[in-house]
Amino acid sequence: MRYPVVLLTLMLSGLAVAAAPPEHPPGLKPVPDGAPGPGDAPAVTIKPSSQGRVVEYRANGKLYMLKVIPRVGKPYFLIDQKGDGQFARQDSLDSGMRPPMWVVKEF
């Protein structure tokens, strides 16, 4: 009794796999051709001051990162991580995450 049920299930699954996929998924938009234009890059504004420079990075008109370059000292970043206007200081863009990179076996 089990063998005909298993055979029927395998045959029906084979038909489902063999069915032709649709030509294009619904809601698919074509990819634009060519190199990215000037409007595709994030807007960067450099503001000099007497204490140093401030570089502002914007995406879609919203400020998301500041790079502060003082005349004396190391540069640092102020980053809006949540998008709520609260900037947190980071001394570098390095996240500190280091994947393991040892050799397991060589062939």
N, C-alpha and C. Protein backbone atom coordinates (compact mmCIF):
# COMPACT_ATOMS: atom_id res chain seq x y z
N MET A 1 0.82 -1.18 0.00
CA MET A 1 0.00 0.00 0.00
C MET A 1 0.87 1.26 0.00
N ARG A 2 2.02 1.21 0.68
CA ARG A 2 2.87 2.39 0.77
C ARG A 2 3.58 2.68 -0.55
N TYR A 3 3.95 1.67 -1.27
CA TYR A 3 4.72 1.86 -2.50
C TYR A 3 3.96 2.65 -3.55
N PRO A 4 2.69 2.41 -3.81
CA PRO A 4 1.99 3.25 -4.80
C PRO A 4 1.89 4.72 -4.37
N VAL A 5 1.74 4.97 -3.06
CA VAL A 5 1.65 6.34 -2.59
C VAL A 5 3.01 7.04 -2.77
N VAL A 6 4.09 6.34 -2.45
CA VAL A 6 5.42 6.91 -2.62
C VAL A 6 5.71 7.16 -4.09
N LEU A 7 5.34 6.21 -4.95
CA LEU A 7 5.56 6.35 -6.39
C LEU A 7 4.76 7.53 -6.95
N LEU A 8 3.51 7.67 -6.54
CA LEU A 8 2.68 8.78 -6.99
C LEU A 8 3.26 10.12 -6.52
N THR A 9 3.75 10.18 -5.30
CA THR A 9 4.34 11.40 -4.77
C THR A 9 5.59 11.78 -5.56
N LEU A 10 6.43 10.80 -5.87
CA LEU A 10 7.63 11.08 -6.65
C LEU A 10 7.30 11.55 -8.06
N MET A 11 6.30 10.97 -8.67
CA MET A 11 5.90 11.38 -10.02
C MET A 11 5.36 12.81 -10.02
N LEU A 12 4.55 13.15 -9.03
CA LEU A 12 3.99 14.49 -8.98
C LEU A 12 5.07 15.54 -8.67
N SER A 13 6.03 15.20 -7.82
CA SER A 13 7.11 16.14 -7.54
C SER A 13 7.99 16.32 -8.76
N GLY A 14 8.17 15.27 -9.56
CA GLY A 14 8.93 15.39 -10.80
C GLY A 14 8.24 16.30 -11.79
N LEU A 15 6.91 16.25 -11.86
CA LEU A 15 6.18 17.15 -12.74
C LEU A 15 6.30 18.60 -12.27
N ALA A 16 6.29 18.82 -10.97
CA ALA A 16 6.41 20.18 -10.45
C ALA A 16 7.78 20.76 -10.76
N VAL A 17 8.82 19.95 -10.69
CA VAL A 17 10.17 20.42 -10.98
C VAL A 17 10.34 20.66 -12.47
N ALA A 18 9.72 19.85 -13.30
CA ALA A 18 9.88 19.95 -14.75
C ALA A 18 9.06 21.09 -15.35
N ALA A 19 8.15 21.70 -14.60
CA ALA A 19 7.33 22.79 -15.14
C ALA A 19 8.22 23.98 -15.45
N ALA A 20 7.92 24.67 -16.55
CA ALA A 20 8.72 25.81 -16.98
C ALA A 20 8.47 27.00 -16.05
N PRO A 21 9.54 27.68 -15.64
CA PRO A 21 9.35 28.85 -14.78
C PRO A 21 8.76 30.00 -15.59
N PRO A 22 8.13 30.97 -14.94
CA PRO A 22 7.59 32.12 -15.68
C PRO A 22 8.72 32.91 -16.34
N GLU A 23 8.39 33.65 -17.39
CA GLU A 23 9.39 34.40 -18.15
C GLU A 23 10.10 35.43 -17.26
N HIS A 24 9.36 36.26 -16.55
CA HIS A 24 9.92 37.26 -15.64
C HIS A 24 9.09 37.29 -14.37
N PRO A 25 9.72 37.43 -13.23
CA PRO A 25 8.95 37.57 -12.00
C PRO A 25 8.16 38.88 -12.03
N PRO A 26 7.03 38.93 -11.35
CA PRO A 26 6.25 40.17 -11.37
C PRO A 26 6.97 41.29 -10.62
N GLY A 27 6.83 42.50 -11.12
CA GLY A 27 7.42 43.67 -10.46
C GLY A 27 8.91 43.83 -10.70
N LEU A 28 9.46 43.16 -11.70
CA LEU A 28 10.89 43.24 -11.98
C LEU A 28 11.18 44.50 -12.79
N LYS A 29 12.18 45.28 -12.35
CA LYS A 29 12.57 46.50 -13.05
C LYS A 29 13.91 46.27 -13.73
N PRO A 30 14.12 46.84 -14.93
CA PRO A 30 15.40 46.65 -15.60
C PRO A 30 16.53 47.39 -14.89
N VAL A 31 17.73 46.87 -14.99
CA VAL A 31 18.91 47.47 -14.39
C VAL A 31 19.40 48.57 -15.31
N PRO A 32 19.71 49.77 -14.79
CA PRO A 32 20.20 50.84 -15.67
C PRO A 32 21.59 50.50 -16.20
N ASP A 33 21.83 50.87 -17.44
CA ASP A 33 23.11 50.59 -18.07
C ASP A 33 24.07 51.75 -17.85
N GLY A 34 25.34 51.47 -17.95
CA GLY A 34 26.36 52.51 -17.89
C GLY A 34 26.94 52.69 -16.50
N ALA A 35 27.91 53.57 -16.45
CA ALA A 35 28.59 53.87 -15.19
C ALA A 35 27.69 54.74 -14.31
N PRO A 36 27.90 54.70 -13.00
CA PRO A 36 27.11 55.55 -12.12
C PRO A 36 27.36 57.02 -12.42
N GLY A 37 26.31 57.79 -12.36
CA GLY A 37 26.40 59.22 -12.64
C GLY A 37 26.71 60.02 -11.40
N PRO A 38 26.82 61.34 -11.54
CA PRO A 38 27.14 62.17 -10.38
C PRO A 38 26.03 62.17 -9.34
N GLY A 39 24.80 61.91 -9.72
CA GLY A 39 23.70 61.88 -8.76
C GLY A 39 23.66 60.60 -7.95
N ASP A 40 24.42 59.57 -8.36
CA ASP A 40 24.41 58.29 -7.65
C ASP A 40 25.35 58.28 -6.45
N ALA A 41 26.36 59.11 -6.46
CA ALA A 41 27.35 59.13 -5.37
C ALA A 41 26.82 59.95 -4.20
N PRO A 42 27.24 59.61 -2.98
CA PRO A 42 26.80 60.42 -1.84
C PRO A 42 27.39 61.82 -1.93
N ALA A 43 26.62 62.80 -1.50
CA ALA A 43 27.08 64.19 -1.53
C ALA A 43 28.07 64.42 -0.40
N VAL A 44 29.20 65.02 -0.73
CA VAL A 44 30.25 65.30 0.25
C VAL A 44 30.51 66.80 0.24
N THR A 45 30.48 67.41 1.43
CA THR A 45 30.75 68.84 1.58
C THR A 45 31.90 69.02 2.55
N ILE A 46 32.89 69.82 2.16
CA ILE A 46 34.05 70.09 3.01
C ILE A 46 33.91 71.53 3.51
N LYS A 47 33.89 71.68 4.84
CA LYS A 47 33.76 73.00 5.46
C LYS A 47 35.02 73.31 6.27
N PRO A 48 35.85 74.24 5.77
CA PRO A 48 37.05 74.61 6.54
C PRO A 48 36.68 75.58 7.66
N SER A 49 37.44 75.53 8.74
CA SER A 49 37.28 76.47 9.84
C SER A 49 38.65 76.77 10.42
N SER A 50 38.69 77.62 11.44
CA SER A 50 39.97 77.99 12.04
C SER A 50 40.59 76.83 12.82
N GLN A 51 39.75 75.89 13.32
CA GLN A 51 40.28 74.75 14.09
C GLN A 51 40.61 73.54 13.22
N GLY A 52 40.17 73.52 11.98
CA GLY A 52 40.42 72.37 11.11
C GLY A 52 39.38 72.31 10.00
N ARG A 53 39.02 71.09 9.64
CA ARG A 53 38.02 70.88 8.59
C ARG A 53 36.96 69.90 9.07
N VAL A 54 35.76 70.03 8.50
CA VAL A 54 34.68 69.08 8.75
C VAL A 54 34.17 68.63 7.38
N VAL A 55 34.17 67.31 7.17
CA VAL A 55 33.68 66.74 5.92
C VAL A 55 32.33 66.10 6.22
N GLU A 56 31.28 66.57 5.52
CA GLU A 56 29.92 66.06 5.73
C GLU A 56 29.57 65.08 4.61
N TYR A 57 29.01 63.95 4.98
CA TYR A 57 28.57 62.94 4.02
C TYR A 57 27.05 62.85 4.10
N ARG A 58 26.38 62.99 2.96
CA ARG A 58 24.93 62.94 2.90
C ARG A 58 24.49 61.91 1.87
N ALA A 59 23.36 61.27 2.16
CA ALA A 59 22.72 60.35 1.22
C ALA A 59 21.24 60.72 1.18
N ASN A 60 20.72 60.96 0.01
CA ASN A 60 19.34 61.40 -0.19
C ASN A 60 19.04 62.66 0.61
N GLY A 61 20.01 63.55 0.72
CA GLY A 61 19.83 64.81 1.42
C GLY A 61 19.93 64.73 2.93
N LYS A 62 20.17 63.55 3.48
CA LYS A 62 20.23 63.38 4.93
C LYS A 62 21.67 63.17 5.37
N LEU A 63 22.09 63.93 6.38
CA LEU A 63 23.44 63.83 6.92
C LEU A 63 23.56 62.55 7.73
N TYR A 64 24.55 61.69 7.37
CA TYR A 64 24.72 60.43 8.09
C TYR A 64 26.12 60.26 8.70
N MET A 65 27.10 61.07 8.27
CA MET A 65 28.44 60.91 8.82
C MET A 65 29.20 62.23 8.69
N LEU A 66 30.00 62.53 9.72
CA LEU A 66 30.90 63.67 9.72
C LEU A 66 32.31 63.17 9.97
N LYS A 67 33.26 63.70 9.23
CA LYS A 67 34.67 63.42 9.51
C LYS A 67 35.29 64.73 9.97
N VAL A 68 35.74 64.75 11.20
CA VAL A 68 36.33 65.95 11.79
C VAL A 68 37.85 65.80 11.71
N ILE A 69 38.49 66.78 11.04
CA ILE A 69 39.94 66.77 10.87
C ILE A 69 40.49 68.01 11.57
N PRO A 70 40.89 67.89 12.84
CA PRO A 70 41.41 69.06 13.56
C PRO A 70 42.81 69.41 13.07
N ARG A 71 43.21 70.69 13.30
CA ARG A 71 44.57 71.10 12.92
C ARG A 71 45.61 70.35 13.75
N VAL A 72 45.30 70.11 15.01
CA VAL A 72 46.21 69.39 15.91
C VAL A 72 45.46 68.17 16.42
N GLY A 73 46.01 66.99 16.20
CA GLY A 73 45.38 65.77 16.68
C GLY A 73 44.96 64.86 15.54
N LYS A 74 44.39 63.73 15.93
CA LYS A 74 43.98 62.73 14.95
C LYS A 74 42.55 62.99 14.48
N PRO A 75 42.26 62.71 13.22
CA PRO A 75 40.88 62.84 12.74
C PRO A 75 39.98 61.78 13.38
N TYR A 76 38.69 62.10 13.48
CA TYR A 76 37.72 61.14 14.02
C TYR A 76 36.41 61.32 13.27
N PHE A 77 35.51 60.35 13.45
CA PHE A 77 34.24 60.33 12.74
C PHE A 77 33.10 60.47 13.74
N LEU A 78 32.03 61.14 13.31
CA LEU A 78 30.77 61.18 14.03
C LEU A 78 29.75 60.53 13.12
N ILE A 79 29.16 59.41 13.57
CA ILE A 79 28.29 58.61 12.71
C ILE A 79 26.90 58.51 13.33
N ASP A 80 25.88 58.74 12.50
CA ASP A 80 24.48 58.58 12.90
C ASP A 80 24.08 57.15 12.54
N GLN A 81 24.19 56.23 13.49
CA GLN A 81 23.99 54.82 13.20
C GLN A 81 22.53 54.44 13.06
N LYS A 82 21.64 55.09 13.80
CA LYS A 82 20.22 54.74 13.78
C LYS A 82 19.39 55.64 12.87
N GLY A 83 19.96 56.75 12.43
CA GLY A 83 19.22 57.67 11.58
C GLY A 83 18.33 58.62 12.36
N ASP A 84 18.58 58.76 13.67
CA ASP A 84 17.73 59.61 14.51
C ASP A 84 18.37 60.95 14.82
N GLY A 85 19.52 61.28 14.23
CA GLY A 85 20.18 62.55 14.45
C GLY A 85 21.15 62.54 15.62
N GLN A 86 21.29 61.43 16.32
CA GLN A 86 22.24 61.32 17.43
C GLN A 86 23.54 60.74 16.88
N PHE A 87 24.61 61.53 16.93
CA PHE A 87 25.89 61.11 16.37
C PHE A 87 26.77 60.53 17.47
N ALA A 88 27.43 59.41 17.15
CA ALA A 88 28.36 58.76 18.08
C ALA A 88 29.76 58.86 17.50
N ARG A 89 30.72 59.11 18.38
CA ARG A 89 32.11 59.27 17.95
C ARG A 89 32.77 57.92 17.74
N GLN A 90 33.52 57.82 16.65
CA GLN A 90 34.37 56.67 16.37
C GLN A 90 35.72 57.21 15.92
N ASP A 91 36.79 56.65 16.46
CA ASP A 91 38.11 57.12 16.10
C ASP A 91 38.57 56.60 14.75
N SER A 92 37.96 55.50 14.28
CA SER A 92 38.25 55.00 12.95
C SER A 92 37.02 54.24 12.46
N LEU A 93 37.00 53.92 11.18
CA LEU A 93 35.89 53.15 10.62
C LEU A 93 36.10 51.66 10.76
N ASP A 94 37.18 51.25 11.41
CA ASP A 94 37.47 49.84 11.63
C ASP A 94 36.54 49.31 12.71
N SER A 95 35.80 48.24 12.41
CA SER A 95 34.84 47.69 13.37
C SER A 95 35.53 46.86 14.45
N GLY A 96 36.76 46.43 14.23
CA GLY A 96 37.48 45.64 15.22
C GLY A 96 37.22 44.16 15.09
N MET A 97 36.34 43.74 14.21
CA MET A 97 36.04 42.32 14.05
C MET A 97 37.13 41.67 13.19
N ARG A 98 37.69 40.62 13.71
CA ARG A 98 38.76 39.91 13.00
C ARG A 98 38.36 38.45 12.81
N PRO A 99 38.13 38.02 11.57
CA PRO A 99 37.81 36.61 11.36
C PRO A 99 39.05 35.75 11.57
N PRO A 100 38.88 34.49 11.99
CA PRO A 100 40.05 33.62 12.13
C PRO A 100 40.66 33.36 10.76
N MET A 101 42.00 33.40 10.70
CA MET A 101 42.69 33.27 9.43
C MET A 101 43.85 32.29 9.50
N TRP A 102 43.68 31.19 10.23
CA TRP A 102 44.75 30.23 10.31
C TRP A 102 44.52 29.12 9.27
N VAL A 103 45.59 28.43 8.93
CA VAL A 103 45.53 27.38 7.92
C VAL A 103 45.11 26.07 8.61
N VAL A 104 44.05 25.43 8.09
CA VAL A 104 43.60 24.17 8.64
C VAL A 104 44.35 23.03 7.98
N LYS A 105 44.40 23.06 6.65
CA LYS A 105 45.10 22.01 5.92
C LYS A 105 45.52 22.55 4.57
N GLU A 106 46.72 22.19 4.13
CA GLU A 106 47.19 22.57 2.82
C GLU A 106 47.27 21.34 1.94
N PHE A 107 46.96 21.52 0.68
CA PHE A 107 47.01 20.39 -0.25
C PHE A 107 48.20 20.50 -1.14
